[in-house]
């Protein structure tokens, strides 16, 4: 029998069971992005395997000259053997959403806009 260090009772488990409330905010955000990519693939009726998706906490400190506001995401087209890339910036997106539903919608909007830019369509073509 194992007791706590004061001898007053049993020790608890070393690690709690995994429950959704224990996921970190960054893990939850990553899952929203993955869900958005799957949704885009269904809407486009094609795979987006040729595009790399990434999440960064904040944009780099040297934004392109055409960005006057803090970027929520960036799209990098395919170049010289490098796959196209879509990057979403977690903290700026989270700071603009007051609740989970708004966060889900904003992630979708930013993701759709960046993917549309990479594949050469208008973002409105991805709407229902």
C-alpha atoms as a PDB file:
ATOM      1  CA  UNK A   1       0.000   0.000   0.000  1.00  0.00           C
ATOM      2  CA  UNK A   2       1.380   3.364  -1.014  1.00  0.00           C
ATOM      3  CA  UNK A   3       0.451   6.421   0.975  1.00  0.00           C
ATOM      4  CA  UNK A   4       1.191  10.091   0.504  1.00  0.00           C
ATOM      5  CA  UNK A   5       4.316  11.499   2.098  1.00  0.00           C
ATOM      6  CA  UNK A   6       2.497  12.352   5.317  1.00  0.00           C
ATOM      7  CA  UNK A   7       1.032   8.857   5.710  1.00  0.00           C
ATOM      8  CA  UNK A   8      -2.577  10.036   5.633  1.00  0.00           C
ATOM      9  CA  UNK A   9      -3.973   8.326   2.569  1.00  0.00           C
ATOM     10  CA  UNK A  10      -3.447   6.841  -0.812  1.00  0.00           C
ATOM     11  CA  UNK A  11      -1.538   8.659  -3.504  1.00  0.00           C
ATOM     12  CA  UNK A  12      -3.432   9.673  -6.574  1.00  0.00           C
ATOM     13  CA  UNK A  13      -2.506   8.644 -10.078  1.00  0.00           C
ATOM     14  CA  UNK A  14       0.729  10.072 -11.468  1.00  0.00           C
ATOM     15  CA  UNK A  15      -1.073  11.446 -14.502  1.00  0.00           C
ATOM     16  CA  UNK A  16      -4.707  12.350 -14.924  1.00  0.00           C
ATOM     17  CA  UNK A  17      -6.711  10.684 -17.663  1.00  0.00           C
ATOM     18  CA  UNK A  18      -6.791  12.708 -20.878  1.00  0.00           C
ATOM     19  CA  UNK A  19      -9.969  14.750 -21.042  1.00  0.00           C
ATOM     20  CA  UNK A  20     -10.810  17.580 -23.473  1.00  0.00           C
ATOM     21  CA  UNK A  21     -10.589  20.224 -20.748  1.00  0.00           C
ATOM     22  CA  UNK A  22      -6.939  19.314 -20.191  1.00  0.00           C
ATOM     23  CA  UNK A  23      -5.863  20.074 -23.782  1.00  0.00           C
ATOM     24  CA  UNK A  24      -3.720  23.153 -24.162  1.00  0.00           C
ATOM     25  CA  UNK A  25      -4.971  26.147 -26.106  1.00  0.00           C
ATOM     26  CA  UNK A  26      -2.360  25.560 -28.784  1.00  0.00           C
ATOM     27  CA  UNK A  27      -3.486  21.922 -29.171  1.00  0.00           C
ATOM     28  CA  UNK A  28      -7.112  23.026 -29.470  1.00  0.00           C
ATOM     29  CA  UNK A  29      -6.128  25.625 -32.075  1.00  0.00           C
ATOM     30  CA  UNK A  30      -4.157  23.027 -34.072  1.00  0.00           C
ATOM     31  CA  UNK A  31      -7.233  20.777 -34.073  1.00  0.00           C
ATOM     32  CA  UNK A  32      -9.393  23.658 -35.372  1.00  0.00           C
ATOM     33  CA  UNK A  33      -6.943  24.155 -38.232  1.00  0.00           C
ATOM     34  CA  UNK A  34      -6.926  20.437 -39.080  1.00  0.00           C
ATOM     35  CA  UNK A  35     -10.740  20.373 -39.030  1.00  0.00           C
ATOM     36  CA  UNK A  36     -10.747  23.408 -41.338  1.00  0.00           C
ATOM     37  CA  UNK A  37      -8.378  21.718 -43.789  1.00  0.00           C
ATOM     38  CA  UNK A  38     -10.614  18.635 -43.884  1.00  0.00           C
ATOM     39  CA  UNK A  39     -13.647  20.842 -44.483  1.00  0.00           C
ATOM     40  CA  UNK A  40     -11.859  22.648 -47.323  1.00  0.00           C
ATOM     41  CA  UNK A  41     -10.945  19.331 -48.935  1.00  0.00           C
ATOM     42  CA  UNK A  42     -14.609  18.266 -48.841  1.00  0.00           C
ATOM     43  CA  UNK A  43     -15.778  21.574 -50.350  1.00  0.00           C
ATOM     44  CA  UNK A  44     -13.123  21.581 -53.061  1.00  0.00           C
ATOM     45  CA  UNK A  45     -13.597  17.854 -53.688  1.00  0.00           C
ATOM     46  CA  UNK A  46      -9.826  17.474 -53.898  1.00  0.00           C
ATOM     47  CA  UNK A  47      -6.874  16.771 -51.663  1.00  0.00           C
ATOM     48  CA  UNK A  48      -4.709  19.585 -50.361  1.00  0.00           C
ATOM     49  CA  UNK A  49      -1.686  17.315 -49.888  1.00  0.00           C
ATOM     50  CA  UNK A  50       0.453  19.645 -52.033  1.00  0.00           C
ATOM     51  CA  UNK A  51       0.080  22.423 -49.451  1.00  0.00           C
ATOM     52  CA  UNK A  52       1.911  22.464 -46.130  1.00  0.00           C
ATOM     53  CA  UNK A  53      -0.062  23.869 -43.203  1.00  0.00           C
ATOM     54  CA  UNK A  54       1.589  25.408 -40.173  1.00  0.00           C
ATOM     55  CA  UNK A  55       0.623  27.283 -37.024  1.00  0.00           C
ATOM     56  CA  UNK A  56       2.938  29.830 -35.448  1.00  0.00           C
ATOM     57  CA  UNK A  57       2.268  31.803 -32.295  1.00  0.00           C
ATOM     58  CA  UNK A  58       2.902  35.235 -33.851  1.00  0.00           C
ATOM     59  CA  UNK A  59       4.102  36.599 -37.200  1.00  0.00           C
ATOM     60  CA  UNK A  60       7.787  37.266 -37.699  1.00  0.00           C
ATOM     61  CA  UNK A  61       9.094  40.657 -36.687  1.00  0.00           C
ATOM     62  CA  UNK A  62       9.827  41.625 -40.286  1.00  0.00           C
ATOM     63  CA  UNK A  63       6.438  41.738 -42.055  1.00  0.00           C
ATOM     64  CA  UNK A  64       6.237  42.372 -45.783  1.00  0.00           C
ATOM     65  CA  UNK A  65       5.851  46.066 -46.656  1.00  0.00           C
ATOM     66  CA  UNK A  66       2.267  45.604 -47.911  1.00  0.00           C
ATOM     67  CA  UNK A  67       1.019  44.436 -44.483  1.00  0.00           C
ATOM     68  CA  UNK A  68      -0.072  47.424 -42.432  1.00  0.00           C
ATOM     69  CA  UNK A  69      -1.980  45.449 -39.769  1.00  0.00           C
ATOM     70  CA  UNK A  70      -0.917  42.454 -37.748  1.00  0.00           C
ATOM     71  CA  UNK A  71      -1.249  39.424 -40.023  1.00  0.00           C
ATOM     72  CA  UNK A  72      -3.605  36.593 -39.084  1.00  0.00           C
ATOM     73  CA  UNK A  73      -2.133  34.269 -41.695  1.00  0.00           C
ATOM     74  CA  UNK A  74       0.165  34.121 -44.691  1.00  0.00           C
ATOM     75  CA  UNK A  75       0.254  32.099 -47.888  1.00  0.00           C
ATOM     76  CA  UNK A  76       3.462  31.206 -49.665  1.00  0.00           C
ATOM     77  CA  UNK A  77       3.090  29.896 -53.226  1.00  0.00           C
ATOM     78  CA  UNK A  78       5.016  26.914 -54.525  1.00  0.00           C
ATOM     79  CA  UNK A  79       8.555  27.896 -55.559  1.00  0.00           C
ATOM     80  CA  UNK A  80      11.504  25.972 -56.976  1.00  0.00           C
ATOM     81  CA  UNK A  81      10.578  22.580 -55.639  1.00  0.00           C
ATOM     82  CA  UNK A  82       9.217  23.906 -52.333  1.00  0.00           C
ATOM     83  CA  UNK A  83       5.610  23.089 -51.578  1.00  0.00           C
ATOM     84  CA  UNK A  84       3.061  25.854 -51.171  1.00  0.00           C
ATOM     85  CA  UNK A  85       2.622  26.792 -47.532  1.00  0.00           C
ATOM     86  CA  UNK A  86      -0.181  28.283 -45.458  1.00  0.00           C
ATOM     87  CA  UNK A  87       0.631  29.646 -42.008  1.00  0.00           C
ATOM     88  CA  UNK A  88      -1.916  30.755 -39.407  1.00  0.00           C
ATOM     89  CA  UNK A  89      -0.866  32.900 -36.454  1.00  0.00           C
ATOM     90  CA  UNK A  90      -2.526  31.607 -33.302  1.00  0.00           C
ATOM     91  CA  UNK A  91      -2.302  34.527 -30.884  1.00  0.00           C
ATOM     92  CA  UNK A  92      -3.532  37.293 -33.210  1.00  0.00           C
ATOM     93  CA  UNK A  93      -6.468  35.087 -34.233  1.00  0.00           C
ATOM     94  CA  UNK A  94      -7.306  34.140 -30.626  1.00  0.00           C
ATOM     95  CA  UNK A  95      -7.128  37.781 -29.527  1.00  0.00           C
ATOM     96  CA  UNK A  96      -9.866  38.705 -32.012  1.00  0.00           C
ATOM     97  CA  UNK A  97     -12.307  36.002 -30.895  1.00  0.00           C
ATOM     98  CA  UNK A  98     -14.377  36.467 -27.750  1.00  0.00           C
ATOM     99  CA  UNK A  99     -15.764  32.920 -27.634  1.00  0.00           C
ATOM    100  CA  UNK A 100     -15.153  29.464 -29.097  1.00  0.00           C
ATOM    101  CA  UNK A 101     -17.707  29.836 -31.895  1.00  0.00           C
ATOM    102  CA  UNK A 102     -16.069  33.069 -33.059  1.00  0.00           C
ATOM    103  CA  UNK A 103     -12.646  31.424 -32.923  1.00  0.00           C
ATOM    104  CA  UNK A 104     -13.831  28.512 -35.057  1.00  0.00           C
ATOM    105  CA  UNK A 105     -15.329  30.884 -37.630  1.00  0.00           C
ATOM    106  CA  UNK A 106     -12.266  33.140 -37.715  1.00  0.00           C
ATOM    107  CA  UNK A 107      -9.898  30.175 -38.167  1.00  0.00           C
ATOM    108  CA  UNK A 108     -12.092  29.005 -41.063  1.00  0.00           C
ATOM    109  CA  UNK A 109     -12.102  32.476 -42.689  1.00  0.00           C
ATOM    110  CA  UNK A 110      -8.338  32.954 -42.446  1.00  0.00           C
ATOM    111  CA  UNK A 111      -7.641  29.403 -43.614  1.00  0.00           C
ATOM    112  CA  UNK A 112     -10.054  29.697 -46.570  1.00  0.00           C
ATOM    113  CA  UNK A 113      -8.579  33.048 -47.605  1.00  0.00           C
ATOM    114  CA  UNK A 114      -5.000  31.770 -47.540  1.00  0.00           C
ATOM    115  CA  UNK A 115      -5.788  28.484 -49.325  1.00  0.00           C
ATOM    116  CA  UNK A 116      -7.783  30.341 -51.981  1.00  0.00           C
ATOM    117  CA  UNK A 117      -4.761  32.564 -52.582  1.00  0.00           C
ATOM    118  CA  UNK A 118      -2.470  29.546 -52.993  1.00  0.00           C
ATOM    119  CA  UNK A 119      -4.739  27.631 -55.385  1.00  0.00           C
ATOM    120  CA  UNK A 120      -5.751  30.713 -57.349  1.00  0.00           C
ATOM    121  CA  UNK A 121      -9.455  31.087 -56.649  1.00  0.00           C
ATOM    122  CA  UNK A 122     -11.517  33.777 -54.973  1.00  0.00           C
ATOM    123  CA  UNK A 123     -12.194  33.126 -51.247  1.00  0.00           C
ATOM    124  CA  UNK A 124     -15.937  33.656 -51.828  1.00  0.00           C
ATOM    125  CA  UNK A 125     -15.916  30.513 -53.985  1.00  0.00           C
ATOM    126  CA  UNK A 126     -15.339  28.507 -50.797  1.00  0.00           C
ATOM    127  CA  UNK A 127     -18.468  29.798 -49.067  1.00  0.00           C
ATOM    128  CA  UNK A 128     -21.667  27.733 -48.816  1.00  0.00           C
END
